[in-house]
Amino acid sequence: MTSAPTEPEESTDSEDVGEITPGAQRPPRRRGMAVAVAVLAVLLAAAATLAVVWGLKLHDRNQVSSAEAAALEAARMDAAYLTTYDYRTLTDDFANVERNSTPAFRQKFQQSGSLLRPALAKDRASAKGTVKAAAISSGTTSRVVVLAFVDQNVLTPGSDQPQSVTTRLELTMVASDGRWLMDDVRLI
């Protein structure tokens, strides 16, 4: 006897994937994947934002460092100009300082120079300033404060040897038309 083919029984297991009806919840695996993708997108956006912010800060810091280096070089030269003079060449010596000054500092220097010039000429004084050390005190891309230590050898008639004087200066340098100019100088 042959038996008739039997039809497979319908399964009632919950594992069967049937039709998805509207309003049904997603399976847990798909929901977890969506959350992971969303978290990854947020993390990538945060990382990109941090990279841009750090990049901008590094760029700004590099600009400040470049400005400080240029101002330091100019301040070293200007500190030597300020502390070097010869009674025979005062006009040229003072012109070196004035050429590297802002209008406001130039005016102050000219006022002081008009008082010093007769005394230096009368005493036949001369001095040679040598910057021994200089460093940045503070700085931005447009204004830098420099501290300079200058050894100044002063020679006056009646003395066989120059007198050595150590001078400490605080020079405020400002950027102007691609140059660094003295805006203020203080003895410290």
C-alpha atoms as a PDB file:
ATOM      1  CA  MET A   1       0.000   0.000   0.000  1.00  0.00           C
ATOM      2  CA  THR A   2       1.125   3.244  -0.823  1.00  0.00           C
ATOM      3  CA  SER A   3       0.382   6.063   1.316  1.00  0.00           C
ATOM      4  CA  ALA A   4      -0.690   9.392   0.114  1.00  0.00           C
ATOM      5  CA  PRO A   5       1.759  12.217   0.339  1.00  0.00           C
ATOM      6  CA  THR A   6       1.280  14.317   3.368  1.00  0.00           C
ATOM      7  CA  GLU A   7       1.378  18.029   3.452  1.00  0.00           C
ATOM      8  CA  PRO A   8       3.861  19.636   5.733  1.00  0.00           C
ATOM      9  CA  GLU A   9       2.446  20.987   8.889  1.00  0.00           C
ATOM     10  CA  GLU A  10       2.456  24.691   9.511  1.00  0.00           C
ATOM     11  CA  SER A  11       4.910  25.738  12.126  1.00  0.00           C
ATOM     12  CA  THR A  12       3.787  27.873  14.999  1.00  0.00           C
ATOM     13  CA  ASP A  13       7.302  28.687  16.225  1.00  0.00           C
ATOM     14  CA  SER A  14       7.987  32.345  16.837  1.00  0.00           C
ATOM     15  CA  GLU A  15      11.245  32.009  14.915  1.00  0.00           C
ATOM     16  CA  ASP A  16       9.491  31.900  11.592  1.00  0.00           C
ATOM     17  CA  VAL A  17       9.782  35.048   9.619  1.00  0.00           C
ATOM     18  CA  GLY A  18       6.434  35.924   8.325  1.00  0.00           C
ATOM     19  CA  GLU A  19       5.047  39.003   6.791  1.00  0.00           C
ATOM     20  CA  ILE A  20       5.789  42.226   8.612  1.00  0.00           C
ATOM     21  CA  THR A  21       2.677  44.094   9.338  1.00  0.00           C
ATOM     22  CA  PRO A  22       2.538  47.852   9.545  1.00  0.00           C
ATOM     23  CA  GLY A  23       3.216  49.129  13.053  1.00  0.00           C
ATOM     24  CA  ALA A  24       5.225  46.083  14.019  1.00  0.00           C
ATOM     25  CA  GLN A  25       8.500  46.721  15.862  1.00  0.00           C
ATOM     26  CA  ARG A  26      11.835  46.157  14.193  1.00  0.00           C
ATOM     27  CA  PRO A  27      13.709  43.119  15.204  1.00  0.00           C
ATOM     28  CA  PRO A  28      16.279  43.887  17.966  1.00  0.00           C
ATOM     29  CA  ARG A  29      19.266  43.313  15.659  1.00  0.00           C
ATOM     30  CA  ARG A  30      18.230  46.053  13.226  1.00  0.00           C
ATOM     31  CA  ARG A  31      17.462  48.512  16.028  1.00  0.00           C
ATOM     32  CA  GLY A  32      20.910  47.922  17.565  1.00  0.00           C
ATOM     33  CA  MET A  33      22.569  48.479  14.191  1.00  0.00           C
ATOM     34  CA  ALA A  34      20.751  51.790  13.723  1.00  0.00           C
ATOM     35  CA  VAL A  35      21.829  52.967  17.188  1.00  0.00           C
ATOM     36  CA  ALA A  36      25.444  51.951  16.494  1.00  0.00           C
ATOM     37  CA  VAL A  37      25.458  53.839  13.180  1.00  0.00           C
ATOM     38  CA  ALA A  38      23.982  56.945  14.851  1.00  0.00           C
ATOM     39  CA  VAL A  39      26.558  56.831  17.671  1.00  0.00           C
ATOM     40  CA  LEU A  40      29.360  56.359  15.144  1.00  0.00           C
ATOM     41  CA  ALA A  41      28.125  59.355  13.118  1.00  0.00           C
ATOM     42  CA  VAL A  42      28.047  61.546  16.250  1.00  0.00           C
ATOM     43  CA  LEU A  43      31.559  60.427  17.237  1.00  0.00           C
ATOM     44  CA  LEU A  44      32.889  61.130  13.745  1.00  0.00           C
ATOM     45  CA  ALA A  45      31.307  64.601  13.751  1.00  0.00           C
ATOM     46  CA  ALA A  46      32.820  65.334  17.183  1.00  0.00           C
ATOM     47  CA  ALA A  47      36.249  64.112  16.053  1.00  0.00           C
ATOM     48  CA  ALA A  48      36.076  66.257  12.913  1.00  0.00           C
ATOM     49  CA  THR A  49      35.084  69.305  14.979  1.00  0.00           C
ATOM     50  CA  LEU A  50      37.962  68.740  17.414  1.00  0.00           C
ATOM     51  CA  ALA A  51      40.404  68.319  14.530  1.00  0.00           C
ATOM     52  CA  VAL A  52      39.296  71.636  13.023  1.00  0.00           C
ATOM     53  CA  VAL A  53      39.480  73.461  16.381  1.00  0.00           C
ATOM     54  CA  TRP A  54      42.938  72.040  17.183  1.00  0.00           C
ATOM     55  CA  GLY A  55      44.109  72.825  13.666  1.00  0.00           C
ATOM     56  CA  LEU A  56      42.995  76.449  14.007  1.00  0.00           C
ATOM     57  CA  LYS A  57      44.653  76.763  17.423  1.00  0.00           C
ATOM     58  CA  LEU A  58      47.881  75.307  16.050  1.00  0.00           C
ATOM     59  CA  HIS A  59      47.735  77.700  13.096  1.00  0.00           C
ATOM     60  CA  ASP A  60      47.178  80.667  15.446  1.00  0.00           C
ATOM     61  CA  ARG A  61      50.021  79.525  17.711  1.00  0.00           C
ATOM     62  CA  ASN A  62      52.341  79.200  14.709  1.00  0.00           C
ATOM     63  CA  GLN A  63      51.458  82.743  13.632  1.00  0.00           C
ATOM     64  CA  VAL A  64      52.153  84.085  17.135  1.00  0.00           C
ATOM     65  CA  SER A  65      55.455  82.176  17.259  1.00  0.00           C
ATOM     66  CA  SER A  66      56.512  83.646  13.915  1.00  0.00           C
ATOM     67  CA  ALA A  67      55.546  87.140  15.075  1.00  0.00           C
ATOM     68  CA  GLU A  68      57.461  86.695  18.331  1.00  0.00           C
ATOM     69  CA  ALA A  69      60.589  85.528  16.502  1.00  0.00           C
ATOM     70  CA  ALA A  70      60.526  88.509  14.130  1.00  0.00           C
ATOM     71  CA  ALA A  71      59.841  90.979  16.960  1.00  0.00           C
ATOM     72  CA  LEU A  72      62.614  89.470  19.088  1.00  0.00           C
ATOM     73  CA  GLU A  73      65.127  89.918  16.270  1.00  0.00           C
ATOM     74  CA  ALA A  74      64.047  93.547  15.758  1.00  0.00           C
ATOM     75  CA  ALA A  75      64.115  94.246  19.514  1.00  0.00           C
ATOM     76  CA  ARG A  76      67.659  92.897  19.846  1.00  0.00           C
ATOM     77  CA  MET A  77      68.807  95.255  17.087  1.00  0.00           C
ATOM     78  CA  ASP A  78      66.876  98.199  18.554  1.00  0.00           C
ATOM     79  CA  ALA A  79      68.240  97.586  22.072  1.00  0.00           C
ATOM     80  CA  ALA A  80      71.745  97.827  20.619  1.00  0.00           C
ATOM     81  CA  TYR A  81      70.813 101.053  18.792  1.00  0.00           C
ATOM     82  CA  LEU A  82      69.403 102.542  22.001  1.00  0.00           C
ATOM     83  CA  THR A  83      72.571 101.848  23.965  1.00  0.00           C
ATOM     84  CA  THR A  84      75.163 102.692  21.299  1.00  0.00           C
ATOM     85  CA  TYR A  85      76.174 106.272  20.545  1.00  0.00           C
ATOM     86  CA  ASP A  86      79.163 108.450  19.853  1.00  0.00           C
ATOM     87  CA  TYR A  87      79.203 112.195  20.465  1.00  0.00           C
ATOM     88  CA  ARG A  88      80.643 112.676  16.935  1.00  0.00           C
ATOM     89  CA  THR A  89      77.768 110.769  15.225  1.00  0.00           C
ATOM     90  CA  LEU A  90      74.766 111.505  17.456  1.00  0.00           C
ATOM     91  CA  THR A  91      72.564 112.561  14.541  1.00  0.00           C
ATOM     92  CA  ASP A  92      73.043 109.200  12.803  1.00  0.00           C
ATOM     93  CA  ASP A  93      72.850 107.247  16.065  1.00  0.00           C
ATOM     94  CA  PHE A  94      69.572 108.885  17.067  1.00  0.00           C
ATOM     95  CA  ALA A  95      68.228 108.453  13.520  1.00  0.00           C
ATOM     96  CA  ASN A  96      68.711 104.670  13.842  1.00  0.00           C
ATOM     97  CA  VAL A  97      66.428 104.671  16.875  1.00  0.00           C
ATOM     98  CA  GLU A  98      63.863 107.032  15.354  1.00  0.00           C
ATOM     99  CA  ARG A  99      63.660 105.040  12.116  1.00  0.00           C
ATOM    100  CA  ASN A 100      62.639 101.943  14.114  1.00  0.00           C
ATOM    101  CA  SER A 101      60.058 103.686  16.317  1.00  0.00           C
ATOM    102  CA  THR A 102      56.340 104.315  16.201  1.00  0.00           C
ATOM    103  CA  PRO A 103      55.386 107.997  15.882  1.00  0.00           C
ATOM    104  CA  ALA A 104      54.474 108.150  19.587  1.00  0.00           C
ATOM    105  CA  PHE A 105      57.768 106.657  20.771  1.00  0.00           C
ATOM    106  CA  ARG A 106      59.727 108.709  18.234  1.00  0.00           C
ATOM    107  CA  GLN A 107      58.284 111.879  19.766  1.00  0.00           C
ATOM    108  CA  LYS A 108      59.250 110.794  23.306  1.00  0.00           C
ATOM    109  CA  PHE A 109      62.732 109.816  22.153  1.00  0.00           C
ATOM    110  CA  GLN A 110      63.246 113.131  20.345  1.00  0.00           C
ATOM    111  CA  GLN A 111      62.253 115.037  23.493  1.00  0.00           C
ATOM    112  CA  SER A 112      64.706 113.030  25.609  1.00  0.00           C
ATOM    113  CA  GLY A 113      67.374 113.244  22.916  1.00  0.00           C
ATOM    114  CA  SER A 114      67.159 117.023  22.779  1.00  0.00           C
ATOM    115  CA  LEU A 115      68.081 117.085  26.475  1.00  0.00           C
ATOM    116  CA  LEU A 116      70.800 114.418  26.199  1.00  0.00           C
ATOM    117  CA  ARG A 117      72.516 115.591  23.021  1.00  0.00           C
ATOM    118  CA  PRO A 118      74.241 118.687  24.539  1.00  0.00           C
ATOM    119  CA  ALA A 119      75.444 116.734  27.585  1.00  0.00           C
ATOM    120  CA  LEU A 120      76.802 113.854  25.480  1.00  0.00           C
ATOM    121  CA  ALA A 121      78.583 116.278  23.142  1.00  0.00           C
ATOM    122  CA  LYS A 122      80.009 118.304  26.043  1.00  0.00           C
ATOM    123  CA  ASP A 123      81.272 115.147  27.803  1.00  0.00           C
ATOM    124  CA  ARG A 124      82.494 113.688  24.497  1.00  0.00           C
ATOM    125  CA  ALA A 125      80.810 110.468  25.540  1.00  0.00           C
ATOM    126  CA  SER A 126      80.471 107.302  23.567  1.00  0.00           C
ATOM    127  CA  ALA A 127      79.000 103.916  24.337  1.00  0.00           C
ATOM    128  CA  LYS A 128      78.750 100.540  22.700  1.00  0.00           C
ATOM    129  CA  GLY A 129      75.797  98.352  23.634  1.00  0.00           C
ATOM    130  CA  THR A 130      75.889  94.587  23.156  1.00  0.00           C
ATOM    131  CA  VAL A 131      72.740  92.559  23.727  1.00  0.00           C
ATOM    132  CA  LYS A 132      73.739  89.587  25.879  1.00  0.00           C
ATOM    133  CA  ALA A 133      70.301  88.010  26.172  1.00  0.00           C
ATOM    134  CA  ALA A 134      66.754  88.718  25.099  1.00  0.00           C
ATOM    135  CA  ALA A 135      63.500  86.864  25.560  1.00  0.00           C
ATOM    136  CA  ILE A 136      59.795  87.220  24.922  1.00  0.00           C
ATOM    137  CA  SER A 137      57.755  88.332  27.907  1.00  0.00           C
ATOM    138  CA  SER A 138      54.406  88.223  26.092  1.00  0.00           C
ATOM    139  CA  GLY A 139      53.201  88.313  22.547  1.00  0.00           C
ATOM    140  CA  THR A 140      50.438  88.371  19.989  1.00  0.00           C
ATOM    141  CA  THR A 141      50.619  88.645  16.221  1.00  0.00           C
ATOM    142  CA  SER A 142      50.671  92.455  16.459  1.00  0.00           C
ATOM    143  CA  ARG A 143      52.319  93.294  19.812  1.00  0.00           C
ATOM    144  CA  VAL A 144      55.289  91.656  21.537  1.00  0.00           C
ATOM    145  CA  VAL A 145      57.028  92.598  24.779  1.00  0.00           C
ATOM    146  CA  VAL A 146      60.736  91.723  24.906  1.00  0.00           C
ATOM    147  CA  LEU A 147      63.126  91.756  27.847  1.00  0.00           C
ATOM    148  CA  ALA A 148      66.737  92.503  26.899  1.00  0.00           C
ATOM    149  CA  PHE A 149      69.952  92.424  28.909  1.00  0.00           C
ATOM    150  CA  VAL A 150      72.525  94.778  27.413  1.00  0.00           C
ATOM    151  CA  ASP A 151      76.166  95.223  28.348  1.00  0.00           C
ATOM    152  CA  GLN A 152      77.093  98.824  27.636  1.00  0.00           C
ATOM    153  CA  ASN A 153      80.710  99.994  27.578  1.00  0.00           C
ATOM    154  CA  VAL A 154      80.725 103.747  28.198  1.00  0.00           C
ATOM    155  CA  LEU A 155      83.820 105.808  27.453  1.00  0.00           C
ATOM    156  CA  THR A 156      84.256 109.380  28.639  1.00  0.00           C
ATOM    157  CA  PRO A 157      87.319 111.627  28.528  1.00  0.00           C
ATOM    158  CA  GLY A 158      89.526 111.275  31.545  1.00  0.00           C
ATOM    159  CA  SER A 159      88.979 107.544  31.848  1.00  0.00           C
ATOM    160  CA  ASP A 160      91.413 105.130  30.271  1.00  0.00           C
ATOM    161  CA  GLN A 161      89.071 102.169  30.389  1.00  0.00           C
ATOM    162  CA  PRO A 162      85.424 102.028  29.372  1.00  0.00           C
ATOM    163  CA  GLN A 163      83.013 101.684  32.235  1.00  0.00           C
ATOM    164  CA  SER A 164      80.846  98.584  31.897  1.00  0.00           C
ATOM    165  CA  VAL A 165      77.171  98.962  32.709  1.00  0.00           C
ATOM    166  CA  THR A 166      74.527  96.253  32.488  1.00  0.00           C
ATOM    167  CA  THR A 167      71.174  97.599  31.396  1.00  0.00           C
ATOM    168  CA  ARG A 168      67.880  95.733  31.467  1.00  0.00           C
ATOM    169  CA  LEU A 169      65.272  96.948  29.021  1.00  0.00           C
ATOM    170  CA  GLU A 170      61.648  96.099  28.399  1.00  0.00           C
ATOM    171  CA  LEU A 171      60.835  96.885  24.771  1.00  0.00           C
ATOM    172  CA  THR A 172      57.258  96.894  23.536  1.00  0.00           C
ATOM    173  CA  MET A 173      57.294  96.128  19.833  1.00  0.00           C
ATOM    174  CA  VAL A 174      54.318  96.596  17.497  1.00  0.00           C
ATOM    175  CA  ALA A 175      53.814  95.367  13.958  1.00  0.00           C
ATOM    176  CA  SER A 176      53.469  98.144  11.396  1.00  0.00           C
ATOM    177  CA  ASP A 177      53.509  97.689   7.626  1.00  0.00           C
ATOM    178  CA  GLY A 178      55.455  94.439   7.824  1.00  0.00           C
ATOM    179  CA  ARG A 179      58.024  95.787  10.311  1.00  0.00           C
ATOM    180  CA  TRP A 180      58.406  95.649  14.070  1.00  0.00           C
ATOM    181  CA  LEU A 181      58.765  99.079  15.666  1.00  0.00           C
ATOM    182  CA  MET A 182      59.516 100.194  19.213  1.00  0.00           C
ATOM    183  CA  ASP A 183      56.386 101.565  20.823  1.00  0.00           C
ATOM    184  CA  ASP A 184      57.738 101.837  24.347  1.00  0.00           C
ATOM    185  CA  VAL A 185      61.004 101.209  26.184  1.00  0.00           C
ATOM    186  CA  ARG A 186      61.429 100.988  29.936  1.00  0.00           C
ATOM    187  CA  LEU A 187      64.485 100.475  32.096  1.00  0.00           C
ATOM    188  CA  ILE A 188      63.831  97.619  34.499  1.00  0.00           C
END
